[in-house]
Amino acid sequence: MWKHYLIGLLVSLAAVYFFFRTVSPSQILASLNQLSPWYLIPATALYILSYVFRAVRWHYLMLPVARVRFRPLFAALMIGFLGNNLLPAHLGEVVRAIVLGRSERVSKSATMATVVLERIYDGLTVLFMLLLLLLFVKLPSGQVQGSLISSYNLRVAGWLGLALFGGLLLLLQALRWQRNLSIRLLGWCLRPVPESLRLRLLAACDNFADGLAVTRARDLAWIGFYSLLTWGALAVWAWVLILAFGVKLGLMAGVLMEVVLALALLIPAAPAFVGTFHLAAAATLAFMGADPGVAGSYAMVLWLNHFVVTTLIGIYYLWRLGLGWGALTGRNGDQAAC
């Protein structure tokens, strides 16, 4: 795991360096005076609401595996995001699959498949929002001083994202549609692996395929609907905090903020997305014409709101479920269904 920490740490250090090249700490502190704290209340409510929508969407993704109630889904989701704040390489996603598998006695491998599908639907939703921005919103042309973002870079990121998420979706559906063939091919590739381990890996892959199905077309429609609600709530959250600094921009500014953040957070980084989150948020707001000092302060407040909310709620559910910190590293020793 230390290699993941090292790679993410180096990326985050580079991002922090570029962040403070565009805005100094003194500018950030001075611009904090413009923040109206009353906006933090609706912003926090919107941010929590986005996780409520995520949990409801997860219910529909889990239907091929088991019918799971909202409360354990929400608890596992928040513990997973707590894991993302403390562990490298988005390992919080694995944590929430383990936690839900333990609490509901469902296959962890199949549950992990639903988490992967969720992230693909997230990516496709973000790309849809980017498409709307590029088609209907007049963005600044060229490179804006104090920002690393340009309309051209957004288009390139959109095409790369489409190739990534579209390719992953096709790969997973191939596993679902040609399940037996895929398992046989994997078994052939794993021939050098000891038999006991090979059989366990093949069983896990078979269980993983269980989580790739969507039972009904209506469920797929609900998944798309709650994906839009999730990212819509996040866009309004980002926009409300822009208004909190007295920056008069329309709602599409919040949409663009979430699009750039979602793409930036695909980059490996230290736990809690330190550096990459800040640089992406500040660069986006500067791209839309905000003062660099305000953009830097905004990035700090946006990140703190995200970090504090997910950490506190995640810790609460760790305590509520009687789990220790070992739940975040897989050291609980539980033997829930694989």
C-alpha atoms as a PDB file:
ATOM      1  CA  MET A   1       0.000   0.000   0.000  1.00  0.00           C
ATOM      2  CA  TRP A   2       2.932   2.318   0.620  1.00  0.00           C
ATOM      3  CA  LYS A   3       3.552   2.557  -3.147  1.00  0.00           C
ATOM      4  CA  HIS A   4       0.030   3.938  -3.626  1.00  0.00           C
ATOM      5  CA  TYR A   5       0.667   6.460  -0.866  1.00  0.00           C
ATOM      6  CA  LEU A   6       3.981   7.483  -2.455  1.00  0.00           C
ATOM      7  CA  ILE A   7       2.583   8.003  -5.967  1.00  0.00           C
ATOM      8  CA  GLY A   8      -0.438   9.893  -4.670  1.00  0.00           C
ATOM      9  CA  LEU A   9       1.717  11.950  -2.335  1.00  0.00           C
ATOM     10  CA  LEU A  10       4.037  13.033  -5.165  1.00  0.00           C
ATOM     11  CA  VAL A  11       1.068  14.035  -7.352  1.00  0.00           C
ATOM     12  CA  SER A  12      -0.513  15.948  -4.478  1.00  0.00           C
ATOM     13  CA  LEU A  13       2.739  17.738  -3.661  1.00  0.00           C
ATOM     14  CA  ALA A  14       3.025  18.843  -7.288  1.00  0.00           C
ATOM     15  CA  ALA A  15      -0.600  20.038  -7.262  1.00  0.00           C
ATOM     16  CA  VAL A  16      -0.060  21.950  -4.010  1.00  0.00           C
ATOM     17  CA  TYR A  17       3.039  23.577  -5.539  1.00  0.00           C
ATOM     18  CA  PHE A  18       1.108  24.785  -8.598  1.00  0.00           C
ATOM     19  CA  PHE A  19      -1.819  25.841  -6.401  1.00  0.00           C
ATOM     20  CA  PHE A  20       0.373  28.151  -4.346  1.00  0.00           C
ATOM     21  CA  ARG A  21       2.108  29.418  -7.470  1.00  0.00           C
ATOM     22  CA  THR A  22      -1.205  30.813  -8.675  1.00  0.00           C
ATOM     23  CA  VAL A  23      -2.304  32.230  -5.324  1.00  0.00           C
ATOM     24  CA  SER A  24      -0.367  33.031  -2.159  1.00  0.00           C
ATOM     25  CA  PRO A  25      -1.485  32.059   1.370  1.00  0.00           C
ATOM     26  CA  SER A  26      -1.833  35.741   2.237  1.00  0.00           C
ATOM     27  CA  GLN A  27      -4.246  36.261  -0.671  1.00  0.00           C
ATOM     28  CA  ILE A  28      -6.277  33.246   0.453  1.00  0.00           C
ATOM     29  CA  LEU A  29      -6.540  34.518   4.023  1.00  0.00           C
ATOM     30  CA  ALA A  30      -7.431  38.016   2.906  1.00  0.00           C
ATOM     31  CA  SER A  31     -10.170  36.738   0.592  1.00  0.00           C
ATOM     32  CA  LEU A  32     -11.757  34.656   3.363  1.00  0.00           C
ATOM     33  CA  ASN A  33     -13.189  37.928   4.690  1.00  0.00           C
ATOM     34  CA  GLN A  34     -15.571  37.900   1.717  1.00  0.00           C
ATOM     35  CA  LEU A  35     -17.137  34.607   2.793  1.00  0.00           C
ATOM     36  CA  SER A  36     -20.681  34.862   4.119  1.00  0.00           C
ATOM     37  CA  PRO A  37     -20.871  31.927   6.588  1.00  0.00           C
ATOM     38  CA  TRP A  38     -24.666  31.667   6.396  1.00  0.00           C
ATOM     39  CA  TYR A  39     -24.301  30.062   2.972  1.00  0.00           C
ATOM     40  CA  LEU A  40     -22.542  27.109   4.603  1.00  0.00           C
ATOM     41  CA  ILE A  41     -25.849  25.840   6.023  1.00  0.00           C
ATOM     42  CA  PRO A  42     -27.692  25.270   2.713  1.00  0.00           C
ATOM     43  CA  ALA A  43     -24.431  24.173   1.079  1.00  0.00           C
ATOM     44  CA  THR A  44     -23.885  21.469   3.699  1.00  0.00           C
ATOM     45  CA  ALA A  45     -27.517  20.336   3.399  1.00  0.00           C
ATOM     46  CA  LEU A  46     -27.143  20.048  -0.394  1.00  0.00           C
ATOM     47  CA  TYR A  47     -23.926  18.100  -0.034  1.00  0.00           C
ATOM     48  CA  ILE A  48     -25.527  15.585   2.338  1.00  0.00           C
ATOM     49  CA  LEU A  49     -28.539  15.372  -0.008  1.00  0.00           C
ATOM     50  CA  SER A  50     -26.213  14.298  -2.829  1.00  0.00           C
ATOM     51  CA  TYR A  51     -25.203  11.282  -0.728  1.00  0.00           C
ATOM     52  CA  VAL A  52     -28.844  10.490  -0.031  1.00  0.00           C
ATOM     53  CA  PHE A  53     -29.406  10.366  -3.803  1.00  0.00           C
ATOM     54  CA  ARG A  54     -26.299   8.182  -4.178  1.00  0.00           C
ATOM     55  CA  ALA A  55     -27.603   5.694  -1.624  1.00  0.00           C
ATOM     56  CA  VAL A  56     -31.012   5.491  -3.334  1.00  0.00           C
ATOM     57  CA  ARG A  57     -29.301   4.920  -6.680  1.00  0.00           C
ATOM     58  CA  TRP A  58     -27.161   2.199  -5.111  1.00  0.00           C
ATOM     59  CA  HIS A  59     -30.367   0.438  -4.059  1.00  0.00           C
ATOM     60  CA  TYR A  60     -31.333   0.029  -7.724  1.00  0.00           C
ATOM     61  CA  LEU A  61     -27.826  -1.093  -8.676  1.00  0.00           C
ATOM     62  CA  MET A  62     -27.922  -3.706  -5.892  1.00  0.00           C
ATOM     63  CA  LEU A  63     -31.249  -5.242  -6.958  1.00  0.00           C
ATOM     64  CA  PRO A  64     -29.640  -8.077  -9.009  1.00  0.00           C
ATOM     65  CA  VAL A  65     -27.670  -9.019  -5.874  1.00  0.00           C
ATOM     66  CA  ALA A  66     -30.110  -8.341  -3.022  1.00  0.00           C
ATOM     67  CA  ARG A  67     -32.851  -5.936  -1.996  1.00  0.00           C
ATOM     68  CA  VAL A  68     -31.035  -3.739   0.509  1.00  0.00           C
ATOM     69  CA  ARG A  69     -32.661  -1.042   2.630  1.00  0.00           C
ATOM     70  CA  PHE A  70     -31.604   2.612   2.505  1.00  0.00           C
ATOM     71  CA  ARG A  71     -30.006   2.823   5.962  1.00  0.00           C
ATOM     72  CA  PRO A  72     -27.279   0.162   5.518  1.00  0.00           C
ATOM     73  CA  LEU A  73     -26.563   1.509   2.030  1.00  0.00           C
ATOM     74  CA  PHE A  74     -26.129   5.047   3.329  1.00  0.00           C
ATOM     75  CA  ALA A  75     -23.991   3.853   6.246  1.00  0.00           C
ATOM     76  CA  ALA A  76     -21.662   1.836   4.010  1.00  0.00           C
ATOM     77  CA  LEU A  77     -21.492   4.710   1.512  1.00  0.00           C
ATOM     78  CA  MET A  78     -20.386   7.231   4.132  1.00  0.00           C
ATOM     79  CA  ILE A  79     -17.869   4.839   5.678  1.00  0.00           C
ATOM     80  CA  GLY A  80     -16.475   4.346   2.188  1.00  0.00           C
ATOM     81  CA  PHE A  81     -16.054   8.084   1.665  1.00  0.00           C
ATOM     82  CA  LEU A  82     -14.381   8.279   5.070  1.00  0.00           C
ATOM     83  CA  GLY A  83     -12.022   5.621   3.713  1.00  0.00           C
ATOM     84  CA  ASN A  84     -11.303   7.812   0.677  1.00  0.00           C
ATOM     85  CA  ASN A  85     -10.298  10.564   3.105  1.00  0.00           C
ATOM     86  CA  LEU A  86      -7.773   8.311   4.843  1.00  0.00           C
ATOM     87  CA  LEU A  87      -6.640   5.726   2.295  1.00  0.00           C
ATOM     88  CA  PRO A  88      -4.883   6.067  -1.087  1.00  0.00           C
ATOM     89  CA  ALA A  89      -6.075   5.045  -4.551  1.00  0.00           C
ATOM     90  CA  HIS A  90      -9.835   5.432  -3.859  1.00  0.00           C
ATOM     91  CA  LEU A  91      -9.689   2.363  -1.597  1.00  0.00           C
ATOM     92  CA  GLY A  92     -12.751   3.674   0.217  1.00  0.00           C
ATOM     93  CA  GLU A  93     -14.758   2.144  -2.647  1.00  0.00           C
ATOM     94  CA  VAL A  94     -13.485  -1.290  -1.623  1.00  0.00           C
ATOM     95  CA  VAL A  95     -14.194  -0.469   2.023  1.00  0.00           C
ATOM     96  CA  ARG A  96     -17.868   0.215   1.407  1.00  0.00           C
ATOM     97  CA  ALA A  97     -18.288  -3.036  -0.521  1.00  0.00           C
ATOM     98  CA  ILE A  98     -16.752  -4.888   2.423  1.00  0.00           C
ATOM     99  CA  VAL A  99     -18.860  -3.028   4.990  1.00  0.00           C
ATOM    100  CA  LEU A 100     -22.120  -3.669   3.115  1.00  0.00           C
ATOM    101  CA  GLY A 101     -21.174  -7.303   2.543  1.00  0.00           C
ATOM    102  CA  ARG A 102     -20.538  -7.703   6.255  1.00  0.00           C
ATOM    103  CA  SER A 103     -23.695  -5.940   7.460  1.00  0.00           C
ATOM    104  CA  GLU A 104     -26.127  -7.436   4.918  1.00  0.00           C
ATOM    105  CA  ARG A 105     -24.451 -10.813   4.293  1.00  0.00           C
ATOM    106  CA  VAL A 106     -24.244 -10.303   0.558  1.00  0.00           C
ATOM    107  CA  SER A 107     -21.435 -11.107  -1.830  1.00  0.00           C
ATOM    108  CA  LYS A 108     -18.635  -8.584  -1.520  1.00  0.00           C
ATOM    109  CA  SER A 109     -17.495  -9.272  -5.080  1.00  0.00           C
ATOM    110  CA  ALA A 110     -20.967  -8.657  -6.521  1.00  0.00           C
ATOM    111  CA  THR A 111     -21.313  -5.564  -4.345  1.00  0.00           C
ATOM    112  CA  MET A 112     -17.971  -4.298  -5.640  1.00  0.00           C
ATOM    113  CA  ALA A 113     -19.310  -4.716  -9.182  1.00  0.00           C
ATOM    114  CA  THR A 114     -22.198  -2.375  -8.348  1.00  0.00           C
ATOM    115  CA  VAL A 115     -19.689   0.167  -6.997  1.00  0.00           C
ATOM    116  CA  VAL A 116     -17.710  -0.006 -10.246  1.00  0.00           C
ATOM    117  CA  LEU A 117     -20.906   0.414 -12.264  1.00  0.00           C
ATOM    118  CA  GLU A 118     -21.875   3.372 -10.092  1.00  0.00           C
ATOM    119  CA  ARG A 119     -18.584   5.091 -10.851  1.00  0.00           C
ATOM    120  CA  ILE A 120     -19.059   4.495 -14.573  1.00  0.00           C
ATOM    121  CA  TYR A 121     -22.557   6.015 -14.426  1.00  0.00           C
ATOM    122  CA  ASP A 122     -21.033   8.942 -12.523  1.00  0.00           C
ATOM    123  CA  GLY A 123     -18.485   9.435 -15.273  1.00  0.00           C
ATOM    124  CA  LEU A 124     -21.059   9.263 -18.041  1.00  0.00           C
ATOM    125  CA  THR A 125     -23.317  11.729 -16.192  1.00  0.00           C
ATOM    126  CA  VAL A 126     -20.427  14.163 -15.786  1.00  0.00           C
ATOM    127  CA  LEU A 127     -19.610  13.851 -19.493  1.00  0.00           C
ATOM    128  CA  PHE A 128     -23.257  14.559 -20.320  1.00  0.00           C
ATOM    129  CA  MET A 129     -23.057  17.729 -18.198  1.00  0.00           C
ATOM    130  CA  LEU A 130     -19.829  18.705 -19.981  1.00  0.00           C
ATOM    131  CA  LEU A 131     -21.524  18.230 -23.339  1.00  0.00           C
ATOM    132  CA  LEU A 132     -24.347  20.557 -22.303  1.00  0.00           C
ATOM    133  CA  LEU A 133     -21.802  23.162 -21.193  1.00  0.00           C
ATOM    134  CA  LEU A 134     -19.847  23.005 -24.436  1.00  0.00           C
ATOM    135  CA  LEU A 135     -23.019  23.189 -26.546  1.00  0.00           C
ATOM    136  CA  PHE A 136     -25.053  25.820 -24.718  1.00  0.00           C
ATOM    137  CA  VAL A 137     -22.750  27.887 -22.496  1.00  0.00           C
ATOM    138  CA  LYS A 138     -20.370  30.530 -23.800  1.00  0.00           C
ATOM    139  CA  LEU A 139     -17.105  29.721 -22.053  1.00  0.00           C
ATOM    140  CA  PRO A 140     -14.061  32.024 -22.005  1.00  0.00           C
ATOM    141  CA  SER A 141     -11.885  31.488 -25.047  1.00  0.00           C
ATOM    142  CA  GLY A 142      -8.183  30.795 -24.802  1.00  0.00           C
ATOM    143  CA  GLN A 143      -6.160  30.578 -21.600  1.00  0.00           C
ATOM    144  CA  VAL A 144      -7.361  32.743 -18.727  1.00  0.00           C
ATOM    145  CA  GLN A 145      -4.665  34.333 -16.564  1.00  0.00           C
ATOM    146  CA  GLY A 146      -4.439  32.567 -13.191  1.00  0.00           C
ATOM    147  CA  SER A 147      -6.066  29.389 -14.520  1.00  0.00           C
ATOM    148  CA  LEU A 148      -4.740  26.173 -16.029  1.00  0.00           C
ATOM    149  CA  ILE A 149      -8.045  25.498 -17.799  1.00  0.00           C
ATOM    150  CA  SER A 150      -9.130  26.310 -21.344  1.00  0.00           C
ATOM    151  CA  SER A 151     -12.118  25.365 -23.481  1.00  0.00           C
ATOM    152  CA  TYR A 152      -9.807  23.251 -25.651  1.00  0.00           C
ATOM    153  CA  ASN A 153      -8.537  21.325 -22.612  1.00  0.00           C
ATOM    154  CA  LEU A 154     -12.121  20.685 -21.521  1.00  0.00           C
ATOM    155  CA  ARG A 155     -12.948  19.192 -24.919  1.00  0.00           C
ATOM    156  CA  VAL A 156      -9.869  16.964 -24.821  1.00  0.00           C
ATOM    157  CA  ALA A 157     -10.731  15.832 -21.274  1.00  0.00           C
ATOM    158  CA  GLY A 158     -14.264  15.070 -22.434  1.00  0.00           C
ATOM    159  CA  TRP A 159     -13.103  12.819 -25.264  1.00  0.00           C
ATOM    160  CA  LEU A 160     -10.596  11.038 -23.020  1.00  0.00           C
ATOM    161  CA  GLY A 161     -13.278  10.560 -20.369  1.00  0.00           C
ATOM    162  CA  LEU A 162     -15.701   9.164 -22.929  1.00  0.00           C
ATOM    163  CA  ALA A 163     -13.080   6.676 -24.104  1.00  0.00           C
ATOM    164  CA  LEU A 164     -12.351   5.642 -20.501  1.00  0.00           C
ATOM    165  CA  PHE A 165     -15.885   5.258 -19.158  1.00  0.00           C
ATOM    166  CA  GLY A 166     -17.391   4.008 -22.411  1.00  0.00           C
ATOM    167  CA  GLY A 167     -14.619   1.435 -22.747  1.00  0.00           C
ATOM    168  CA  LEU A 168     -15.053   0.244 -19.159  1.00  0.00           C
ATOM    169  CA  LEU A 169     -18.809  -0.087 -19.622  1.00  0.00           C
ATOM    170  CA  LEU A 170     -18.346  -2.167 -22.790  1.00  0.00           C
ATOM    171  CA  LEU A 171     -15.750  -4.348 -21.041  1.00  0.00           C
ATOM    172  CA  LEU A 172     -18.025  -5.013 -18.085  1.00  0.00           C
ATOM    173  CA  GLN A 173     -21.016  -5.737 -20.280  1.00  0.00           C
ATOM    174  CA  ALA A 174     -18.891  -8.175 -22.271  1.00  0.00           C
ATOM    175  CA  LEU A 175     -18.189  -9.973 -18.971  1.00  0.00           C
ATOM    176  CA  ARG A 176     -21.905 -10.016 -18.270  1.00  0.00           C
ATOM    177  CA  TRP A 177     -23.052 -11.170 -21.737  1.00  0.00           C
ATOM    178  CA  GLN A 178     -20.228 -13.682 -22.316  1.00  0.00           C
ATOM    179  CA  ARG A 179     -19.806 -14.759 -18.731  1.00  0.00           C
ATOM    180  CA  ASN A 180     -18.741 -18.361 -19.246  1.00  0.00           C
ATOM    181  CA  LEU A 181     -16.303 -17.462 -22.015  1.00  0.00           C
ATOM    182  CA  SER A 182     -14.835 -14.636 -19.904  1.00  0.00           C
ATOM    183  CA  ILE A 183     -14.364 -16.954 -16.910  1.00  0.00           C
ATOM    184  CA  ARG A 184     -12.664 -19.563 -19.106  1.00  0.00           C
ATOM    185  CA  LEU A 185     -10.332 -16.949 -20.605  1.00  0.00           C
ATOM    186  CA  LEU A 186      -9.469 -15.665 -17.134  1.00  0.00           C
ATOM    187  CA  GLY A 187      -8.814 -19.223 -15.964  1.00  0.00           C
ATOM    188  CA  TRP A 188      -6.449 -19.717 -18.910  1.00  0.00           C
ATOM    189  CA  CYS A 189      -4.610 -16.475 -18.031  1.00  0.00           C
ATOM    190  CA  LEU A 190      -4.312 -17.590 -14.393  1.00  0.00           C
ATOM    191  CA  ARG A 191      -2.789 -20.986 -15.162  1.00  0.00           C
ATOM    192  CA  PRO A 192       0.579 -20.064 -13.536  1.00  0.00           C
ATOM    193  CA  VAL A 193      -1.250 -19.177 -10.287  1.00  0.00           C
ATOM    194  CA  PRO A 194      -1.540 -21.914  -7.592  1.00  0.00           C
ATOM    195  CA  GLU A 195      -4.793 -23.841  -7.992  1.00  0.00           C
ATOM    196  CA  SER A 196      -6.367 -22.845  -4.664  1.00  0.00           C
ATOM    197  CA  LEU A 197      -5.808 -19.150  -5.330  1.00  0.00           C
ATOM    198  CA  ARG A 198      -6.911 -19.508  -8.965  1.00  0.00           C
ATOM    199  CA  LEU A 199     -10.205 -21.092  -7.927  1.00  0.00           C
ATOM    200  CA  ARG A 200     -10.843 -18.335  -5.393  1.00  0.00           C
ATOM    201  CA  LEU A 201     -10.159 -15.641  -7.991  1.00  0.00           C
ATOM    202  CA  LEU A 202     -12.448 -17.296 -10.535  1.00  0.00           C
ATOM    203  CA  ALA A 203     -15.216 -17.616  -7.938  1.00  0.00           C
ATOM    204  CA  ALA A 204     -14.817 -13.947  -7.028  1.00  0.00           C
ATOM    205  CA  CYS A 205     -14.986 -12.988 -10.714  1.00  0.00           C
ATOM    206  CA  ASP A 206     -18.133 -15.087 -11.142  1.00  0.00           C
ATOM    207  CA  ASN A 207     -19.723 -13.338  -8.141  1.00  0.00           C
ATOM    208  CA  PHE A 208     -18.559  -9.993  -9.510  1.00  0.00           C
ATOM    209  CA  ALA A 209     -20.513 -10.676 -12.704  1.00  0.00           C
ATOM    210  CA  ASP A 210     -23.677 -11.073 -10.616  1.00  0.00           C
ATOM    211  CA  GLY A 211     -23.512  -7.393  -9.729  1.00  0.00           C
ATOM    212  CA  LEU A 212     -23.280  -6.221 -13.338  1.00  0.00           C
ATOM    213  CA  ALA A 213     -26.876  -6.983 -14.251  1.00  0.00           C
ATOM    214  CA  VAL A 214     -29.726  -4.485 -14.119  1.00  0.00           C
ATOM    215  CA  THR A 215     -32.961  -6.398 -13.544  1.00  0.00           C
ATOM    216  CA  ARG A 216     -35.364  -4.153 -15.479  1.00  0.00           C
ATOM    217  CA  ALA A 217     -35.183  -1.283 -17.942  1.00  0.00           C
ATOM    218  CA  ARG A 218     -37.203   0.757 -15.443  1.00  0.00           C
ATOM    219  CA  ASP A 219     -34.440   0.282 -12.874  1.00  0.00           C
ATOM    220  CA  LEU A 220     -31.908   1.589 -15.393  1.00  0.00           C
ATOM    221  CA  ALA A 221     -34.096   4.678 -15.845  1.00  0.00           C
ATOM    222  CA  TRP A 222     -34.128   5.239 -12.082  1.00  0.00           C
ATOM    223  CA  ILE A 223     -30.341   4.846 -11.978  1.00  0.00           C
ATOM    224  CA  GLY A 224     -29.988   7.536 -14.641  1.00  0.00           C
ATOM    225  CA  PHE A 225     -32.501   9.764 -12.852  1.00  0.00           C
ATOM    226  CA  TYR A 226     -30.722   9.549  -9.503  1.00  0.00           C
ATOM    227  CA  SER A 227     -27.361  10.062 -11.212  1.00  0.00           C
ATOM    228  CA  LEU A 228     -28.652  13.380 -12.537  1.00  0.00           C
ATOM    229  CA  LEU A 229     -30.069  14.284  -9.112  1.00  0.00           C
ATOM    230  CA  THR A 230     -26.768  13.432  -7.423  1.00  0.00           C
ATOM    231  CA  TRP A 231     -24.660  15.573  -9.709  1.00  0.00           C
ATOM    232  CA  GLY A 232     -27.312  18.282  -9.883  1.00  0.00           C
ATOM    233  CA  ALA A 233     -27.205  18.586  -6.082  1.00  0.00           C
ATOM    234  CA  LEU A 234     -23.398  18.734  -6.201  1.00  0.00           C
ATOM    235  CA  ALA A 235     -23.501  21.448  -8.874  1.00  0.00           C
ATOM    236  CA  VAL A 236     -25.875  23.566  -6.782  1.00  0.00           C
ATOM    237  CA  TRP A 237     -23.654  22.935  -3.719  1.00  0.00           C
ATOM    238  CA  ALA A 238     -20.616  24.253  -5.590  1.00  0.00           C
ATOM    239  CA  TRP A 239     -22.629  27.217  -6.921  1.00  0.00           C
ATOM    240  CA  VAL A 240     -23.990  28.190  -3.473  1.00  0.00           C
ATOM    241  CA  LEU A 241     -20.440  28.393  -2.133  1.00  0.00           C
ATOM    242  CA  ILE A 242     -19.452  30.539  -5.126  1.00  0.00           C
ATOM    243  CA  LEU A 243     -22.260  32.923  -4.152  1.00  0.00           C
ATOM    244  CA  ALA A 244     -21.007  32.801  -0.555  1.00  0.00           C
ATOM    245  CA  PHE A 245     -17.913  34.704  -1.713  1.00  0.00           C
ATOM    246  CA  GLY A 246     -20.024  37.365  -3.442  1.00  0.00           C
ATOM    247  CA  VAL A 247     -19.058  36.150  -6.924  1.00  0.00           C
ATOM    248  CA  LYS A 248     -22.034  36.701  -9.210  1.00  0.00           C
ATOM    249  CA  LEU A 249     -22.058  33.733 -11.559  1.00  0.00           C
ATOM    250  CA  GLY A 250     -24.939  31.629 -12.843  1.00  0.00           C
ATOM    251  CA  LEU A 251     -25.773  28.047 -11.944  1.00  0.00           C
ATOM    252  CA  MET A 252     -23.726  26.759 -14.876  1.00  0.00           C
ATOM    253  CA  ALA A 253     -20.630  27.842 -12.938  1.00  0.00           C
ATOM    254  CA  GLY A 254     -21.463  25.180 -10.378  1.00  0.00           C
ATOM    255  CA  VAL A 255     -21.983  22.620 -13.148  1.00  0.00           C
ATOM    256  CA  LEU A 256     -18.591  23.436 -14.662  1.00  0.00           C
ATOM    257  CA  MET A 257     -16.990  23.256 -11.214  1.00  0.00           C
ATOM    258  CA  GLU A 258     -18.301  19.719 -10.654  1.00  0.00           C
ATOM    259  CA  VAL A 259     -17.300  18.596 -14.141  1.00  0.00           C
ATOM    260  CA  VAL A 260     -13.702  19.744 -13.663  1.00  0.00           C
ATOM    261  CA  LEU A 261     -13.501  18.359 -10.116  1.00  0.00           C
ATOM    262  CA  ALA A 262     -14.849  14.974 -11.212  1.00  0.00           C
ATOM    263  CA  LEU A 263     -12.263  14.741 -14.002  1.00  0.00           C
ATOM    264  CA  ALA A 264      -9.435  15.983 -11.776  1.00  0.00           C
ATOM    265  CA  LEU A 265     -10.195  13.479  -9.025  1.00  0.00           C
ATOM    266  CA  LEU A 266      -9.542  10.615 -11.436  1.00  0.00           C
ATOM    267  CA  ILE A 267      -5.854  11.521 -11.092  1.00  0.00           C
ATOM    268  CA  PRO A 268      -4.006   9.555  -8.355  1.00  0.00           C
ATOM    269  CA  ALA A 269      -3.542  11.724  -5.286  1.00  0.00           C
ATOM    270  CA  ALA A 270      -2.942  11.611  -1.564  1.00  0.00           C
ATOM    271  CA  PRO A 271      -5.901  10.641   0.651  1.00  0.00           C
ATOM    272  CA  ALA A 272      -8.768  13.166   0.676  1.00  0.00           C
ATOM    273  CA  PHE A 273      -7.627  14.402  -2.783  1.00  0.00           C
ATOM    274  CA  VAL A 274      -5.332  16.973  -1.189  1.00  0.00           C
ATOM    275  CA  GLY A 275      -3.865  19.280  -3.805  1.00  0.00           C
ATOM    276  CA  THR A 276      -5.676  17.970  -6.878  1.00  0.00           C
ATOM    277  CA  PHE A 277      -9.056  19.071  -5.475  1.00  0.00           C
ATOM    278  CA  HIS A 278      -7.739  22.511  -4.494  1.00  0.00           C
ATOM    279  CA  LEU A 279      -5.947  23.150  -7.768  1.00  0.00           C
ATOM    280  CA  ALA A 280      -8.930  22.068  -9.884  1.00  0.00           C
ATOM    281  CA  ALA A 281     -11.428  24.165  -7.912  1.00  0.00           C
ATOM    282  CA  ALA A 282      -9.257  27.292  -7.867  1.00  0.00           C
ATOM    283  CA  ALA A 283      -8.349  26.993 -11.552  1.00  0.00           C
ATOM    284  CA  THR A 284     -12.006  26.565 -12.528  1.00  0.00           C
ATOM    285  CA  LEU A 285     -13.203  29.616 -10.621  1.00  0.00           C
ATOM    286  CA  ALA A 286     -10.320  31.695 -11.982  1.00  0.00           C
ATOM    287  CA  PHE A 287     -11.223  30.461 -15.483  1.00  0.00           C
ATOM    288  CA  MET A 288     -14.691  31.937 -14.950  1.00  0.00           C
ATOM    289  CA  GLY A 289     -13.218  35.325 -14.086  1.00  0.00           C
ATOM    290  CA  ALA A 290     -12.888  35.314 -10.286  1.00  0.00           C
ATOM    291  CA  ASP A 291      -9.962  36.969  -8.534  1.00  0.00           C
ATOM    292  CA  PRO A 292      -7.156  34.415  -7.870  1.00  0.00           C
ATOM    293  CA  GLY A 293      -7.305  35.113  -4.139  1.00  0.00           C
ATOM    294  CA  VAL A 294     -11.038  34.463  -4.043  1.00  0.00           C
ATOM    295  CA  ALA A 295     -10.574  31.348  -6.184  1.00  0.00           C
ATOM    296  CA  GLY A 296      -7.975  30.005  -3.734  1.00  0.00           C
ATOM    297  CA  SER A 297     -10.162  30.735  -0.695  1.00  0.00           C
ATOM    298  CA  TYR A 298     -13.138  29.140  -2.408  1.00  0.00           C
ATOM    299  CA  ALA A 299     -11.128  25.987  -3.126  1.00  0.00           C
ATOM    300  CA  MET A 300     -10.127  25.712   0.541  1.00  0.00           C
ATOM    301  CA  VAL A 301     -13.696  26.197   1.811  1.00  0.00           C
ATOM    302  CA  LEU A 302     -15.179  23.791  -0.753  1.00  0.00           C
ATOM    303  CA  TRP A 303     -12.651  21.100   0.187  1.00  0.00           C
ATOM    304  CA  LEU A 304     -13.136  21.625   3.928  1.00  0.00           C
ATOM    305  CA  ASN A 305     -16.909  21.367   3.567  1.00  0.00           C
ATOM    306  CA  HIS A 306     -16.494  18.087   1.675  1.00  0.00           C
ATOM    307  CA  PHE A 307     -13.880  16.691   4.070  1.00  0.00           C
ATOM    308  CA  VAL A 308     -15.582  17.609   7.348  1.00  0.00           C
ATOM    309  CA  VAL A 309     -19.028  16.344   6.281  1.00  0.00           C
ATOM    310  CA  THR A 310     -17.835  12.984   4.945  1.00  0.00           C
ATOM    311  CA  THR A 311     -15.428  12.423   7.838  1.00  0.00           C
ATOM    312  CA  LEU A 312     -17.901  13.183  10.623  1.00  0.00           C
ATOM    313  CA  ILE A 313     -20.751  11.165   9.119  1.00  0.00           C
ATOM    314  CA  GLY A 314     -18.384   8.287   8.299  1.00  0.00           C
ATOM    315  CA  ILE A 315     -17.049   8.216  11.874  1.00  0.00           C
ATOM    316  CA  TYR A 316     -20.608   8.290  13.214  1.00  0.00           C
ATOM    317  CA  TYR A 317     -21.571   5.200  11.199  1.00  0.00           C
ATOM    318  CA  LEU A 318     -18.350   3.400  12.148  1.00  0.00           C
ATOM    319  CA  TRP A 319     -19.398   3.890  15.765  1.00  0.00           C
ATOM    320  CA  ARG A 320     -23.069   3.121  15.071  1.00  0.00           C
ATOM    321  CA  LEU A 321     -22.223  -0.217  13.438  1.00  0.00           C
ATOM    322  CA  GLY A 322     -19.706  -1.094  16.148  1.00  0.00           C
ATOM    323  CA  LEU A 323     -16.792  -1.107  13.711  1.00  0.00           C
ATOM    324  CA  GLY A 324     -13.249  -0.043  14.507  1.00  0.00           C
ATOM    325  CA  TRP A 325     -10.612   1.573  12.332  1.00  0.00           C
ATOM    326  CA  GLY A 326      -9.742  -1.916  11.120  1.00  0.00           C
ATOM    327  CA  ALA A 327     -12.897  -1.768   8.988  1.00  0.00           C
ATOM    328  CA  LEU A 328     -11.074   0.732   6.771  1.00  0.00           C
ATOM    329  CA  THR A 329      -8.130  -1.593   6.172  1.00  0.00           C
ATOM    330  CA  GLY A 330      -9.867  -4.968   5.969  1.00  0.00           C
ATOM    331  CA  ARG A 331      -8.425  -6.150   9.301  1.00  0.00           C
ATOM    332  CA  ASN A 332     -11.735  -6.867  11.011  1.00  0.00           C
ATOM    333  CA  GLY A 333     -11.406 -10.517  10.308  1.00  0.00           C
ATOM    334  CA  ASP A 334     -15.028 -10.844   9.277  1.00  0.00           C
ATOM    335  CA  GLN A 335     -15.897 -13.655   6.916  1.00  0.00           C
ATOM    336  CA  ALA A 336     -18.910 -12.280   5.141  1.00  0.00           C
ATOM    337  CA  ALA A 337     -19.921 -13.852   1.872  1.00  0.00           C
ATOM    338  CA  CYS A 338     -17.389 -13.476  -0.912  1.00  0.00           C
END
